[in-house]
């Protein structure tokens, strides 16, 4: 069964018609109105329904196929693959962003222990080398698909971070509930190849490209309260930022 599309076109707009169609279909996917696996009518029917030429409709569909949001399957037609998680570059947690985007986040705690801090983490958290810290490793999923592997290190005594709480809540949510006021963070975004273990957890091939994010978060007194190193599947995830001309 195909999914109906509610598309409104502004033919007087300078925005190309194919892009208007693609943007609105993408919005329907992001909002959950078009779920993964949903089938669309063929391009000829869609073009006729919207009063568009077939090449225009084909261009809109191809744009979304190239973005990884739709896939064409022989004998099945065009289907929704998944919604791309778009994360604004601001001081928020992945769990918060997924929940606000109706992405149904779930968490598997892979490790949670008190360990001596590594030298590079000690520098980030401004702690003497070897100081005990809370070390976390979690697998975050969205809509049932593995999305990110998250490593976090925190000074002791900030919050109760047992496995049950970490599986039901986001880390920042737990820190806020414990009275930790996070105000600013230093963040670096990059990319690298997946290790064998990462590829297995994320359902990717060995050596597949992954997005990386390293962040140190500070409270309102300037004290480091968390250092994180995360990897993400780029087919399901992107960072967004606003750029302003000086």
C-alpha atoms as a PDB file:
ATOM      1  CA  UNK A   1       0.000   0.000   0.000  1.00  0.00           C
ATOM      2  CA  UNK A   2       1.374   3.411  -0.993  1.00  0.00           C
ATOM      3  CA  UNK A   3       1.450   6.467   1.254  1.00  0.00           C
ATOM      4  CA  UNK A   4      -0.390   9.626   0.113  1.00  0.00           C
ATOM      5  CA  UNK A   5       1.646  12.815  -0.071  1.00  0.00           C
ATOM      6  CA  UNK A   6       0.370  16.227   0.973  1.00  0.00           C
ATOM      7  CA  UNK A   7       2.521  18.574  -1.113  1.00  0.00           C
ATOM      8  CA  UNK A   8       1.875  22.289  -1.660  1.00  0.00           C
ATOM      9  CA  UNK A   9       3.787  23.988  -4.476  1.00  0.00           C
ATOM     10  CA  UNK A  10       4.465  27.700  -4.977  1.00  0.00           C
ATOM     11  CA  UNK A  11       4.897  28.059  -8.722  1.00  0.00           C
ATOM     12  CA  UNK A  12       5.768  31.751  -8.357  1.00  0.00           C
ATOM     13  CA  UNK A  13       8.690  30.973  -6.036  1.00  0.00           C
ATOM     14  CA  UNK A  14      12.286  31.146  -7.320  1.00  0.00           C
ATOM     15  CA  UNK A  15      12.876  27.811  -5.542  1.00  0.00           C
ATOM     16  CA  UNK A  16      12.850  25.043  -8.198  1.00  0.00           C
ATOM     17  CA  UNK A  17       9.750  22.860  -8.117  1.00  0.00           C
ATOM     18  CA  UNK A  18      11.724  19.642  -7.759  1.00  0.00           C
ATOM     19  CA  UNK A  19      13.422  21.061  -4.655  1.00  0.00           C
ATOM     20  CA  UNK A  20      10.099  22.167  -3.148  1.00  0.00           C
ATOM     21  CA  UNK A  21       8.796  18.617  -3.577  1.00  0.00           C
ATOM     22  CA  UNK A  22      11.983  17.058  -2.165  1.00  0.00           C
ATOM     23  CA  UNK A  23      12.002  19.369   0.873  1.00  0.00           C
ATOM     24  CA  UNK A  24       8.387  18.594   1.734  1.00  0.00           C
ATOM     25  CA  UNK A  25       8.855  14.824   1.372  1.00  0.00           C
ATOM     26  CA  UNK A  26      11.949  15.082   3.579  1.00  0.00           C
ATOM     27  CA  UNK A  27       9.913  17.011   6.169  1.00  0.00           C
ATOM     28  CA  UNK A  28       7.253  14.264   6.150  1.00  0.00           C
ATOM     29  CA  UNK A  29       9.995  11.696   6.803  1.00  0.00           C
ATOM     30  CA  UNK A  30      11.519  13.775   9.616  1.00  0.00           C
ATOM     31  CA  UNK A  31       8.111  14.276  11.264  1.00  0.00           C
ATOM     32  CA  UNK A  32       7.325  10.566  11.115  1.00  0.00           C
ATOM     33  CA  UNK A  33       4.397  10.999   8.715  1.00  0.00           C
ATOM     34  CA  UNK A  34       6.330   8.775   6.300  1.00  0.00           C
ATOM     35  CA  UNK A  35       7.724   5.837   8.268  1.00  0.00           C
ATOM     36  CA  UNK A  36      10.654   3.626   7.211  1.00  0.00           C
ATOM     37  CA  UNK A  37       9.345   1.083   4.718  1.00  0.00           C
ATOM     38  CA  UNK A  38       6.511   3.306   3.466  1.00  0.00           C
ATOM     39  CA  UNK A  39       6.052   3.071  -0.310  1.00  0.00           C
ATOM     40  CA  UNK A  40       5.430   6.032  -2.610  1.00  0.00           C
ATOM     41  CA  UNK A  41       3.388   6.030  -5.789  1.00  0.00           C
ATOM     42  CA  UNK A  42       5.454   5.718  -8.943  1.00  0.00           C
ATOM     43  CA  UNK A  43       6.902   8.895 -10.436  1.00  0.00           C
ATOM     44  CA  UNK A  44       4.345   9.044 -13.242  1.00  0.00           C
ATOM     45  CA  UNK A  45       1.392   9.018 -10.837  1.00  0.00           C
ATOM     46  CA  UNK A  46       3.080  11.491  -8.485  1.00  0.00           C
ATOM     47  CA  UNK A  47       3.859  13.839 -11.363  1.00  0.00           C
ATOM     48  CA  UNK A  48       0.237  13.700 -12.565  1.00  0.00           C
ATOM     49  CA  UNK A  49      -1.115  14.276  -9.021  1.00  0.00           C
ATOM     50  CA  UNK A  50       1.033  17.393  -8.556  1.00  0.00           C
ATOM     51  CA  UNK A  51       0.728  18.719 -12.087  1.00  0.00           C
ATOM     52  CA  UNK A  52       4.465  18.360 -12.692  1.00  0.00           C
ATOM     53  CA  UNK A  53       6.490  17.042 -15.570  1.00  0.00           C
ATOM     54  CA  UNK A  54       7.899  13.567 -15.155  1.00  0.00           C
ATOM     55  CA  UNK A  55      11.550  14.775 -15.319  1.00  0.00           C
ATOM     56  CA  UNK A  56      10.832  17.249 -12.484  1.00  0.00           C
ATOM     57  CA  UNK A  57       9.322  14.522 -10.320  1.00  0.00           C
ATOM     58  CA  UNK A  58      12.153  12.160 -11.177  1.00  0.00           C
ATOM     59  CA  UNK A  59      14.682  14.817 -10.147  1.00  0.00           C
ATOM     60  CA  UNK A  60      12.962  15.292  -6.767  1.00  0.00           C
ATOM     61  CA  UNK A  61      12.959  11.555  -6.063  1.00  0.00           C
ATOM     62  CA  UNK A  62      16.571  11.168  -7.188  1.00  0.00           C
ATOM     63  CA  UNK A  63      17.608  14.008  -4.858  1.00  0.00           C
ATOM     64  CA  UNK A  64      16.159  12.088  -1.894  1.00  0.00           C
ATOM     65  CA  UNK A  65      17.660   8.797  -3.093  1.00  0.00           C
ATOM     66  CA  UNK A  66      21.072  10.484  -3.224  1.00  0.00           C
ATOM     67  CA  UNK A  67      20.566  11.737   0.350  1.00  0.00           C
ATOM     68  CA  UNK A  68      19.833   8.203   1.506  1.00  0.00           C
ATOM     69  CA  UNK A  69      16.210   8.925   2.506  1.00  0.00           C
ATOM     70  CA  UNK A  70      14.548   6.904  -0.267  1.00  0.00           C
ATOM     71  CA  UNK A  71      15.515   3.746  -2.098  1.00  0.00           C
ATOM     72  CA  UNK A  72      14.276   2.280  -5.386  1.00  0.00           C
ATOM     73  CA  UNK A  73      13.630  -1.474  -5.317  1.00  0.00           C
ATOM     74  CA  UNK A  74      12.850  -3.549  -8.382  1.00  0.00           C
ATOM     75  CA  UNK A  75       9.329  -4.939  -8.183  1.00  0.00           C
ATOM     76  CA  UNK A  76       8.549  -2.877  -5.067  1.00  0.00           C
ATOM     77  CA  UNK A  77       8.936   0.757  -6.090  1.00  0.00           C
ATOM     78  CA  UNK A  78      10.237   3.705  -4.102  1.00  0.00           C
ATOM     79  CA  UNK A  79      10.433   3.266  -0.320  1.00  0.00           C
ATOM     80  CA  UNK A  80      11.392   5.373   2.661  1.00  0.00           C
ATOM     81  CA  UNK A  81      14.640   4.130   4.180  1.00  0.00           C
ATOM     82  CA  UNK A  82      14.901   6.190   7.347  1.00  0.00           C
ATOM     83  CA  UNK A  83      14.983   9.739   8.594  1.00  0.00           C
ATOM     84  CA  UNK A  84      18.393  11.389   8.803  1.00  0.00           C
ATOM     85  CA  UNK A  85      19.064  12.647  12.319  1.00  0.00           C
ATOM     86  CA  UNK A  86      20.010  16.317  12.005  1.00  0.00           C
ATOM     87  CA  UNK A  87      21.678  17.553  15.134  1.00  0.00           C
ATOM     88  CA  UNK A  88      22.162  21.286  15.722  1.00  0.00           C
ATOM     89  CA  UNK A  89      25.634  22.218  16.943  1.00  0.00           C
ATOM     90  CA  UNK A  90      24.613  23.462  20.369  1.00  0.00           C
ATOM     91  CA  UNK A  91      24.913  22.329  23.975  1.00  0.00           C
ATOM     92  CA  UNK A  92      22.376  19.511  23.987  1.00  0.00           C
ATOM     93  CA  UNK A  93      22.589  15.751  24.321  1.00  0.00           C
ATOM     94  CA  UNK A  94      21.989  13.241  21.550  1.00  0.00           C
ATOM     95  CA  UNK A  95      19.199  11.688  23.632  1.00  0.00           C
ATOM     96  CA  UNK A  96      17.420  15.062  23.923  1.00  0.00           C
ATOM     97  CA  UNK A  97      17.757  15.763  20.198  1.00  0.00           C
ATOM     98  CA  UNK A  98      16.428  12.335  19.232  1.00  0.00           C
ATOM     99  CA  UNK A  99      13.503  12.547  21.627  1.00  0.00           C
ATOM    100  CA  UNK A 100      12.533  16.031  20.435  1.00  0.00           C
ATOM    101  CA  UNK A 101      12.758  14.791  16.852  1.00  0.00           C
ATOM    102  CA  UNK A 102      10.399  11.843  17.542  1.00  0.00           C
ATOM    103  CA  UNK A 103      13.213   9.389  16.757  1.00  0.00           C
ATOM    104  CA  UNK A 104      12.409   7.021  19.680  1.00  0.00           C
ATOM    105  CA  UNK A 105      15.889   6.773  21.255  1.00  0.00           C
ATOM    106  CA  UNK A 106      17.000   3.652  23.106  1.00  0.00           C
ATOM    107  CA  UNK A 107      20.273   2.987  24.904  1.00  0.00           C
ATOM    108  CA  UNK A 108      22.350  -0.112  25.593  1.00  0.00           C
ATOM    109  CA  UNK A 109      24.941   0.387  28.334  1.00  0.00           C
ATOM    110  CA  UNK A 110      28.062  -1.488  27.245  1.00  0.00           C
ATOM    111  CA  UNK A 111      30.221  -0.449  30.207  1.00  0.00           C
ATOM    112  CA  UNK A 112      29.896   1.690  33.344  1.00  0.00           C
ATOM    113  CA  UNK A 113      32.766   1.611  35.792  1.00  0.00           C
ATOM    114  CA  UNK A 114      35.088   3.616  38.006  1.00  0.00           C
ATOM    115  CA  UNK A 115      38.542   3.654  36.380  1.00  0.00           C
ATOM    116  CA  UNK A 116      41.833   5.581  36.689  1.00  0.00           C
ATOM    117  CA  UNK A 117      41.676   8.494  34.256  1.00  0.00           C
ATOM    118  CA  UNK A 118      43.851   8.325  31.138  1.00  0.00           C
ATOM    119  CA  UNK A 119      46.342  11.139  30.636  1.00  0.00           C
ATOM    120  CA  UNK A 120      44.507  12.859  27.754  1.00  0.00           C
ATOM    121  CA  UNK A 121      41.172  12.663  29.579  1.00  0.00           C
ATOM    122  CA  UNK A 122      42.846  13.966  32.755  1.00  0.00           C
ATOM    123  CA  UNK A 123      43.965  17.053  30.839  1.00  0.00           C
ATOM    124  CA  UNK A 124      40.438  17.646  29.508  1.00  0.00           C
ATOM    125  CA  UNK A 125      38.856  17.233  32.956  1.00  0.00           C
ATOM    126  CA  UNK A 126      41.686  19.090  34.756  1.00  0.00           C
ATOM    127  CA  UNK A 127      42.370  16.136  37.029  1.00  0.00           C
ATOM    128  CA  UNK A 128      45.645  14.609  38.239  1.00  0.00           C
ATOM    129  CA  UNK A 129      46.629  11.542  36.178  1.00  0.00           C
ATOM    130  CA  UNK A 130      45.248   8.340  37.652  1.00  0.00           C
ATOM    131  CA  UNK A 131      42.335  10.037  39.433  1.00  0.00           C
ATOM    132  CA  UNK A 132      39.256   7.735  39.528  1.00  0.00           C
ATOM    133  CA  UNK A 133      36.551   8.843  37.058  1.00  0.00           C
ATOM    134  CA  UNK A 134      33.224   7.413  35.929  1.00  0.00           C
ATOM    135  CA  UNK A 135      33.743   5.826  32.493  1.00  0.00           C
ATOM    136  CA  UNK A 136      30.711   5.040  30.324  1.00  0.00           C
ATOM    137  CA  UNK A 137      30.320   3.255  26.994  1.00  0.00           C
ATOM    138  CA  UNK A 138      26.853   3.225  25.432  1.00  0.00           C
ATOM    139  CA  UNK A 139      25.226   2.248  22.146  1.00  0.00           C
ATOM    140  CA  UNK A 140      22.486   4.690  21.145  1.00  0.00           C
ATOM    141  CA  UNK A 141      19.778   3.604  18.696  1.00  0.00           C
ATOM    142  CA  UNK A 142      17.076   5.597  16.920  1.00  0.00           C
ATOM    143  CA  UNK A 143      13.917   3.914  15.639  1.00  0.00           C
ATOM    144  CA  UNK A 144      15.524   0.551  16.321  1.00  0.00           C
ATOM    145  CA  UNK A 145      18.669   1.207  14.262  1.00  0.00           C
ATOM    146  CA  UNK A 146      22.162   1.598  15.794  1.00  0.00           C
ATOM    147  CA  UNK A 147      23.226   5.222  15.425  1.00  0.00           C
ATOM    148  CA  UNK A 148      26.158   6.065  17.710  1.00  0.00           C
ATOM    149  CA  UNK A 149      28.724   4.649  20.114  1.00  0.00           C
ATOM    150  CA  UNK A 150      29.356   7.040  22.985  1.00  0.00           C
ATOM    151  CA  UNK A 151      32.275   7.094  25.424  1.00  0.00           C
ATOM    152  CA  UNK A 152      32.007   9.552  28.318  1.00  0.00           C
ATOM    153  CA  UNK A 153      34.193  10.287  31.332  1.00  0.00           C
ATOM    154  CA  UNK A 154      33.001  12.268  34.360  1.00  0.00           C
ATOM    155  CA  UNK A 155      34.419  13.292  37.749  1.00  0.00           C
ATOM    156  CA  UNK A 156      33.018  11.202  40.586  1.00  0.00           C
ATOM    157  CA  UNK A 157      30.149  12.379  42.767  1.00  0.00           C
ATOM    158  CA  UNK A 158      28.203  14.381  40.170  1.00  0.00           C
ATOM    159  CA  UNK A 159      25.154  12.123  39.788  1.00  0.00           C
ATOM    160  CA  UNK A 160      23.830   8.596  40.284  1.00  0.00           C
ATOM    161  CA  UNK A 161      24.696   7.006  36.936  1.00  0.00           C
ATOM    162  CA  UNK A 162      23.723   3.362  37.341  1.00  0.00           C
ATOM    163  CA  UNK A 163      22.956   1.203  34.295  1.00  0.00           C
ATOM    164  CA  UNK A 164      19.180   1.290  34.730  1.00  0.00           C
ATOM    165  CA  UNK A 165      19.083   5.100  34.831  1.00  0.00           C
ATOM    166  CA  UNK A 166      21.427   5.389  31.852  1.00  0.00           C
ATOM    167  CA  UNK A 167      19.233   3.082  29.777  1.00  0.00           C
ATOM    168  CA  UNK A 168      16.077   5.062  30.575  1.00  0.00           C
ATOM    169  CA  UNK A 169      17.455   8.618  30.467  1.00  0.00           C
ATOM    170  CA  UNK A 170      19.996  10.751  28.664  1.00  0.00           C
ATOM    171  CA  UNK A 171      23.271  11.617  30.403  1.00  0.00           C
ATOM    172  CA  UNK A 172      22.643  15.364  30.348  1.00  0.00           C
ATOM    173  CA  UNK A 173      19.126  14.787  31.671  1.00  0.00           C
ATOM    174  CA  UNK A 174      20.568  12.932  34.662  1.00  0.00           C
ATOM    175  CA  UNK A 175      23.206  15.591  35.266  1.00  0.00           C
ATOM    176  CA  UNK A 176      20.622  18.384  35.160  1.00  0.00           C
ATOM    177  CA  UNK A 177      18.386  16.462  37.589  1.00  0.00           C
ATOM    178  CA  UNK A 178      21.367  16.188  39.968  1.00  0.00           C
ATOM    179  CA  UNK A 179      21.817  19.959  39.943  1.00  0.00           C
ATOM    180  CA  UNK A 180      24.710  20.194  37.477  1.00  0.00           C
ATOM    181  CA  UNK A 181      24.343  23.421  35.459  1.00  0.00           C
ATOM    182  CA  UNK A 182      26.070  22.914  32.106  1.00  0.00           C
ATOM    183  CA  UNK A 183      26.801  26.205  30.396  1.00  0.00           C
ATOM    184  CA  UNK A 184      29.445  25.874  27.686  1.00  0.00           C
ATOM    185  CA  UNK A 185      31.386  23.204  25.804  1.00  0.00           C
ATOM    186  CA  UNK A 186      34.428  22.854  23.606  1.00  0.00           C
ATOM    187  CA  UNK A 187      33.676  20.558  20.673  1.00  0.00           C
ATOM    188  CA  UNK A 188      35.554  19.092  17.713  1.00  0.00           C
ATOM    189  CA  UNK A 189      33.924  17.287  14.768  1.00  0.00           C
ATOM    190  CA  UNK A 190      35.812  14.985  12.425  1.00  0.00           C
ATOM    191  CA  UNK A 191      35.750  11.632  10.641  1.00  0.00           C
ATOM    192  CA  UNK A 192      37.652   8.337  10.613  1.00  0.00           C
ATOM    193  CA  UNK A 193      37.323   4.698   9.608  1.00  0.00           C
ATOM    194  CA  UNK A 194      35.369   2.264  11.781  1.00  0.00           C
ATOM    195  CA  UNK A 195      37.228  -0.343  13.783  1.00  0.00           C
ATOM    196  CA  UNK A 196      36.117  -3.972  13.644  1.00  0.00           C
ATOM    197  CA  UNK A 197      34.294  -3.658  16.983  1.00  0.00           C
ATOM    198  CA  UNK A 198      32.603  -0.374  16.007  1.00  0.00           C
ATOM    199  CA  UNK A 199      31.518  -1.746  12.638  1.00  0.00           C
ATOM    200  CA  UNK A 200      29.895  -4.748  14.335  1.00  0.00           C
ATOM    201  CA  UNK A 201      27.985  -2.615  16.857  1.00  0.00           C
ATOM    202  CA  UNK A 202      26.826  -0.117  14.213  1.00  0.00           C
ATOM    203  CA  UNK A 203      25.949  -2.691  11.523  1.00  0.00           C
ATOM    204  CA  UNK A 204      28.539  -1.196   9.196  1.00  0.00           C
ATOM    205  CA  UNK A 205      31.390  -2.765   7.238  1.00  0.00           C
ATOM    206  CA  UNK A 206      34.911  -2.725   8.632  1.00  0.00           C
ATOM    207  CA  UNK A 207      36.646   0.525   7.715  1.00  0.00           C
ATOM    208  CA  UNK A 208      33.383   2.325   6.885  1.00  0.00           C
ATOM    209  CA  UNK A 209      33.603   6.109   7.379  1.00  0.00           C
ATOM    210  CA  UNK A 210      32.207   7.395  10.674  1.00  0.00           C
ATOM    211  CA  UNK A 211      31.559  10.900  11.939  1.00  0.00           C
ATOM    212  CA  UNK A 212      33.362  11.723  15.174  1.00  0.00           C
ATOM    213  CA  UNK A 213      32.616  14.255  17.887  1.00  0.00           C
ATOM    214  CA  UNK A 214      34.781  15.059  20.907  1.00  0.00           C
ATOM    215  CA  UNK A 215      33.372  17.412  23.528  1.00  0.00           C
ATOM    216  CA  UNK A 216      34.315  18.752  26.955  1.00  0.00           C
ATOM    217  CA  UNK A 217      31.453  20.354  28.874  1.00  0.00           C
ATOM    218  CA  UNK A 218      31.817  22.935  31.650  1.00  0.00           C
ATOM    219  CA  UNK A 219      29.398  24.060  34.359  1.00  0.00           C
ATOM    220  CA  UNK A 220      28.536  27.646  35.275  1.00  0.00           C
ATOM    221  CA  UNK A 221      31.671  27.830  37.452  1.00  0.00           C
ATOM    222  CA  UNK A 222      33.930  26.846  34.563  1.00  0.00           C
ATOM    223  CA  UNK A 223      34.553  23.357  35.999  1.00  0.00           C
ATOM    224  CA  UNK A 224      34.812  20.474  33.487  1.00  0.00           C
ATOM    225  CA  UNK A 225      31.942  18.087  34.249  1.00  0.00           C
ATOM    226  CA  UNK A 226      32.041  15.699  31.293  1.00  0.00           C
ATOM    227  CA  UNK A 227      34.306  14.666  28.432  1.00  0.00           C
ATOM    228  CA  UNK A 228      32.844  12.660  25.561  1.00  0.00           C
ATOM    229  CA  UNK A 229      34.132  10.905  22.461  1.00  0.00           C
ATOM    230  CA  UNK A 230      31.384   9.675  20.122  1.00  0.00           C
ATOM    231  CA  UNK A 231      31.194   8.057  16.675  1.00  0.00           C
ATOM    232  CA  UNK A 232      28.134   8.214  14.395  1.00  0.00           C
ATOM    233  CA  UNK A 233      26.875   6.518  11.233  1.00  0.00           C
ATOM    234  CA  UNK A 234      26.984   9.274   8.582  1.00  0.00           C
ATOM    235  CA  UNK A 235      24.176   7.711   6.537  1.00  0.00           C
ATOM    236  CA  UNK A 236      21.829   8.344   9.482  1.00  0.00           C
ATOM    237  CA  UNK A 237      23.322  11.417  11.106  1.00  0.00           C
ATOM    238  CA  UNK A 238      24.517  14.944  10.366  1.00  0.00           C
ATOM    239  CA  UNK A 239      25.502  18.104  12.225  1.00  0.00           C
ATOM    240  CA  UNK A 240      23.816  21.403  11.333  1.00  0.00           C
ATOM    241  CA  UNK A 241      25.026  24.911  12.086  1.00  0.00           C
ATOM    242  CA  UNK A 242      24.121  28.478  11.174  1.00  0.00           C
ATOM    243  CA  UNK A 243      26.846  30.626   9.642  1.00  0.00           C
ATOM    244  CA  UNK A 244      26.737  34.416   9.886  1.00  0.00           C
ATOM    245  CA  UNK A 245      28.836  36.797   7.803  1.00  0.00           C
ATOM    246  CA  UNK A 246      31.004  39.150   9.873  1.00  0.00           C
END
